[in-house]
Amino acid sequence: MSSPLRHAIRHDEALARLRAGNIRFTQNVRSIEALTSQYRRDALVAGQAPFATVLSCSDSRVPSELVFDCGLGDLFVVRVAGNVVAPSIVGSIEFAAATFGTELVVVMGHTRCGAVAATIDVLKGGNSAPSENVYDIVDRIRPSIAEIVRGIGNDESVLRAATRANIRASADHLRHSSRIIAGRIAEGRLVVVGAEYALETGQVDFFDVPESTLWRASSIEGRRLQ
């Protein structure tokens, strides 16, 4: 059997596939490939070859495979409340990059994130975290949003800005917290991007994407529509 690494695709192609899948999701359409992926179970027993890695929030309303209209074996998904970055998260993403050759890592937060809202509440002197473990999540979110919380704005605008800031901070942390990840980025073999899922519309907004990757992904999408 061939190695899963031979099936790795470039980060621009992976981004194009995710964006196309999300468009289908927002249109309430599912691809035949995703719907019939359960028939690939036997083929996946011997190994996997996910085309992208997604670090997302644990929120039950944001399942990556559905949001991007993907099936079994398509995505390597790491989920944790608030899409925060801890050593085990870094290790999981290193594993995907080194073992499967995935070139795209998407850090995906979402609107109305409860973990971010809880951190805002703590920073404003409201309710404290109910346990040390939950406080660890709050403590990881706190540095990136503290200045936003101290600023002027209504609760909704603060939550929106803080959510986006937390995503950017997690993506940046990943880029610089690992020799494996940083090395692959320097070699052009890995890209880490931010994304925000809108609960209200189902749309994923990608940001912090290298211009060259975004341009090539758009070109791929354009050729598919011709």
Protein backbone atom coordinates (compact mmCIF):
# COMPACT_ATOMS: atom_id res chain seq x y z
CA MET A 1 0.00 0.00 0.00
CA SER A 2 1.28 3.47 -0.84
CA SER A 3 2.21 5.87 1.92
CA PRO A 4 -0.44 8.45 2.92
CA LEU A 5 2.23 11.12 2.43
CA ARG A 6 2.07 10.59 -1.33
CA HIS A 7 -1.49 11.86 -1.26
CA ALA A 8 -0.69 15.15 0.53
CA ILE A 9 -1.92 18.22 -1.35
CA ARG A 10 -0.62 21.77 -1.34
CA HIS A 11 -1.98 24.32 1.10
CA ASP A 12 -3.59 26.38 -1.67
CA GLU A 13 -5.49 23.37 -3.01
CA ALA A 14 -6.54 22.45 0.54
CA LEU A 15 -7.83 25.98 1.16
CA ALA A 16 -9.76 25.93 -2.12
CA ARG A 17 -11.40 22.64 -1.12
CA LEU A 18 -12.41 23.98 2.29
CA ARG A 19 -13.84 27.17 0.86
CA ALA A 20 -15.81 25.25 -1.78
CA GLY A 21 -17.11 22.85 0.86
CA ASN A 22 -18.25 25.70 3.08
CA ILE A 23 -20.14 27.29 0.19
CA ARG A 24 -22.01 24.02 -0.30
CA PHE A 25 -22.77 23.92 3.43
CA THR A 26 -24.23 27.43 3.44
CA GLN A 27 -26.39 26.43 0.47
CA ASN A 28 -27.62 23.32 2.31
CA VAL A 29 -25.96 21.06 -0.25
CA ARG A 30 -23.75 18.03 0.43
CA SER A 31 -21.36 16.46 -2.04
CA ILE A 32 -21.72 12.83 -3.06
CA GLU A 33 -18.16 12.24 -1.82
CA ALA A 34 -19.02 13.42 1.70
CA LEU A 35 -22.34 11.58 1.83
CA THR A 36 -20.83 8.28 0.73
CA SER A 37 -17.58 8.54 2.69
CA GLN A 38 -18.72 5.91 5.18
CA TYR A 39 -18.22 3.37 2.41
CA ARG A 40 -14.49 4.15 2.63
CA ARG A 41 -14.22 2.78 6.15
CA ASP A 42 -12.48 -0.41 5.08
CA ALA A 43 -9.97 1.51 2.97
CA LEU A 44 -9.16 3.78 5.92
CA VAL A 45 -8.40 0.98 8.36
CA ALA A 46 -4.79 0.72 7.15
CA GLY A 47 -4.08 4.47 7.30
CA GLN A 48 -5.30 7.99 6.73
CA ALA A 49 -4.37 10.91 4.52
CA PRO A 50 -6.24 14.04 5.70
CA PHE A 51 -5.79 16.99 3.37
CA ALA A 52 -5.97 19.67 6.11
CA THR A 53 -5.75 20.12 9.86
CA VAL A 54 -8.38 22.13 11.74
CA LEU A 55 -8.01 23.40 15.29
CA SER A 56 -11.50 24.43 16.32
CA CYS A 57 -13.62 25.17 19.34
CA SER A 58 -15.43 22.25 21.00
CA ASP A 59 -18.79 23.96 20.51
CA SER A 60 -21.34 21.38 19.32
CA ARG A 61 -22.61 23.81 16.68
CA VAL A 62 -19.28 23.91 14.84
CA PRO A 63 -18.40 20.41 13.55
CA SER A 64 -15.62 20.91 11.00
CA GLU A 65 -16.53 17.95 8.80
CA LEU A 66 -20.05 19.33 8.28
CA VAL A 67 -19.03 22.98 8.03
CA PHE A 68 -16.61 22.13 5.21
CA ASP A 69 -18.73 19.35 3.67
CA CYS A 70 -16.06 16.72 4.21
CA GLY A 71 -16.22 13.02 4.97
CA LEU A 72 -14.33 10.27 6.74
CA GLY A 73 -10.57 10.63 6.50
CA ASP A 74 -10.62 14.13 4.98
CA LEU A 75 -9.72 16.30 7.97
CA PHE A 76 -7.45 15.96 11.00
CA VAL A 77 -9.51 17.82 13.60
CA VAL A 78 -8.34 19.00 17.02
CA ARG A 79 -11.08 20.47 19.21
CA VAL A 80 -10.77 22.36 22.48
CA ALA A 81 -12.92 25.03 24.12
CA GLY A 82 -11.94 28.47 22.88
CA ASN A 83 -9.59 26.98 20.23
CA VAL A 84 -6.72 27.66 22.64
CA VAL A 85 -3.20 26.33 22.12
CA ALA A 86 -1.66 24.09 24.79
CA PRO A 87 1.29 21.68 24.48
CA SER A 88 -0.94 18.70 23.64
CA ILE A 89 -2.60 20.73 20.89
CA VAL A 90 0.76 21.68 19.40
CA GLY A 91 1.83 18.03 19.54
CA SER A 92 -1.32 16.91 17.73
CA ILE A 93 -0.75 19.39 14.93
CA GLU A 94 2.94 18.47 14.71
CA PHE A 95 1.87 14.84 14.38
CA ALA A 96 -0.43 15.61 11.44
CA ALA A 97 2.20 17.67 9.65
CA ALA A 98 5.04 15.20 10.18
CA THR A 99 3.06 11.99 9.65
CA PHE A 100 0.54 12.89 6.95
CA GLY A 101 2.24 15.87 5.32
CA THR A 102 -0.78 18.15 5.75
CA GLU A 103 0.22 21.63 4.55
CA LEU A 104 -2.76 23.65 5.79
CA VAL A 105 -3.67 24.32 9.42
CA VAL A 106 -6.87 26.27 10.04
CA VAL A 107 -7.48 27.79 13.49
CA MET A 108 -11.25 28.22 13.51
CA GLY A 109 -13.15 30.12 16.15
CA HIS A 110 -16.79 31.12 15.93
CA THR A 111 -19.19 33.91 16.75
CA ARG A 112 -20.75 34.00 20.23
CA CYS A 113 -17.94 31.83 21.64
CA GLY A 114 -18.75 30.86 25.23
CA ALA A 115 -15.09 30.47 26.24
CA VAL A 116 -14.27 33.99 25.05
CA ALA A 117 -17.41 35.37 26.72
CA ALA A 118 -16.45 33.66 29.99
CA THR A 119 -12.97 35.20 29.81
CA ILE A 120 -14.48 38.65 29.24
CA ASP A 121 -16.68 38.12 32.29
CA VAL A 122 -13.67 37.19 34.43
CA LEU A 123 -11.70 40.21 33.19
CA LYS A 124 -14.61 42.49 34.03
CA GLY A 125 -14.70 41.13 37.57
CA GLY A 126 -17.77 38.99 37.10
CA ASN A 127 -18.06 35.26 37.70
CA SER A 128 -14.84 33.36 38.28
CA ALA A 129 -13.95 30.16 36.45
CA PRO A 130 -15.67 27.16 38.08
CA SER A 131 -12.49 25.05 38.26
CA GLU A 132 -8.74 25.20 37.81
CA ASN A 133 -9.04 23.38 34.50
CA VAL A 134 -11.55 25.86 33.12
CA TYR A 135 -9.40 28.69 34.47
CA ASP A 136 -6.51 27.31 32.41
CA ILE A 137 -8.56 27.93 29.26
CA VAL A 138 -9.53 31.42 30.45
CA ASP A 139 -5.91 32.16 31.30
CA ARG A 140 -4.80 31.24 27.78
CA ILE A 141 -7.39 33.51 26.18
CA ARG A 142 -6.91 36.43 28.59
CA PRO A 143 -3.66 38.02 27.22
CA SER A 144 -4.96 38.47 23.68
CA ILE A 145 -8.23 40.14 24.66
CA ALA A 146 -7.43 42.10 27.85
CA GLU A 147 -6.85 45.39 26.04
CA ILE A 148 -10.05 44.98 24.03
CA VAL A 149 -12.08 44.39 27.19
CA ARG A 150 -10.59 47.54 28.78
CA GLY A 151 -11.64 49.58 25.75
CA ILE A 152 -14.92 51.27 24.95
CA GLY A 153 -17.72 49.36 23.26
CA ASN A 154 -20.94 47.51 23.86
CA ASP A 155 -20.92 43.88 24.93
CA GLU A 156 -21.58 42.55 21.45
CA SER A 157 -18.84 44.56 19.75
CA VAL A 158 -16.34 43.61 22.47
CA LEU A 159 -17.17 39.92 22.08
CA ARG A 160 -16.80 40.14 18.29
CA ALA A 161 -13.41 41.85 18.52
CA ALA A 162 -12.20 39.57 21.31
CA THR A 163 -13.18 36.43 19.38
CA ARG A 164 -11.22 37.51 16.33
CA ALA A 165 -8.23 38.53 18.50
CA ASN A 166 -8.23 35.13 20.21
CA ILE A 167 -8.18 33.32 16.86
CA ARG A 168 -5.26 35.44 15.66
CA ALA A 169 -3.37 34.80 18.90
CA SER A 170 -3.85 31.03 18.67
CA ALA A 171 -2.72 30.97 15.03
CA ASP A 172 0.33 33.07 15.84
CA HIS A 173 1.14 30.86 18.84
CA LEU A 174 1.10 27.79 16.61
CA ARG A 175 3.41 29.43 14.07
CA HIS A 176 6.08 30.12 16.68
CA SER A 177 5.66 27.46 19.38
CA SER A 178 7.14 24.50 17.55
CA ARG A 179 10.38 23.85 15.66
CA ILE A 180 8.56 21.38 13.43
CA ILE A 181 5.78 23.81 12.51
CA ALA A 182 8.08 26.83 12.17
CA GLY A 183 10.51 24.81 10.04
CA ARG A 184 7.82 23.66 7.66
CA ILE A 185 6.46 27.20 7.36
CA ALA A 186 9.96 28.47 6.49
CA GLU A 187 10.28 25.75 3.84
CA GLY A 188 6.92 26.65 2.29
CA ARG A 189 5.43 23.29 3.27
CA LEU A 190 2.92 24.54 5.85
CA VAL A 191 0.58 27.49 6.25
CA VAL A 192 -1.37 28.40 9.40
CA VAL A 193 -4.44 30.57 8.82
CA GLY A 194 -7.23 31.97 10.97
CA ALA A 195 -10.93 31.49 10.34
CA GLU A 196 -14.17 32.47 12.00
CA TYR A 197 -17.40 30.52 11.63
CA ALA A 198 -20.60 32.55 11.81
CA LEU A 199 -23.28 30.68 13.71
CA GLU A 200 -25.84 32.99 12.15
CA THR A 201 -25.04 32.21 8.49
CA GLY A 202 -22.85 29.09 8.45
CA GLN A 203 -20.17 31.00 6.55
CA VAL A 204 -16.47 30.68 7.35
CA ASP A 205 -14.37 33.81 6.96
CA PHE A 206 -10.69 32.99 6.38
CA PHE A 207 -8.11 35.61 7.37
CA ASP A 208 -4.39 35.94 8.04
CA VAL A 209 -3.86 33.98 4.83
CA PRO A 210 -0.59 34.56 2.94
CA GLU A 211 -1.37 36.54 -0.20
CA SER A 212 0.22 33.96 -2.51
CA THR A 213 -1.82 31.12 -0.97
CA LEU A 214 -5.04 33.10 -1.22
CA TRP A 215 -4.35 34.03 -4.84
CA ARG A 216 -3.59 30.44 -5.87
CA ALA A 217 -6.64 29.12 -4.00
CA SER A 218 -8.84 31.65 -5.79
CA SER A 219 -7.32 30.61 -9.14
CA ILE A 220 -8.08 26.96 -8.41
CA GLU A 221 -11.66 27.84 -7.53
CA GLY A 222 -11.97 29.88 -10.73
CA ARG A 223 -10.77 27.01 -12.91
CA ARG A 224 -13.29 24.64 -11.31
CA LEU A 225 -16.14 27.02 -12.13
CA GLN A 226 -15.19 27.27 -15.80
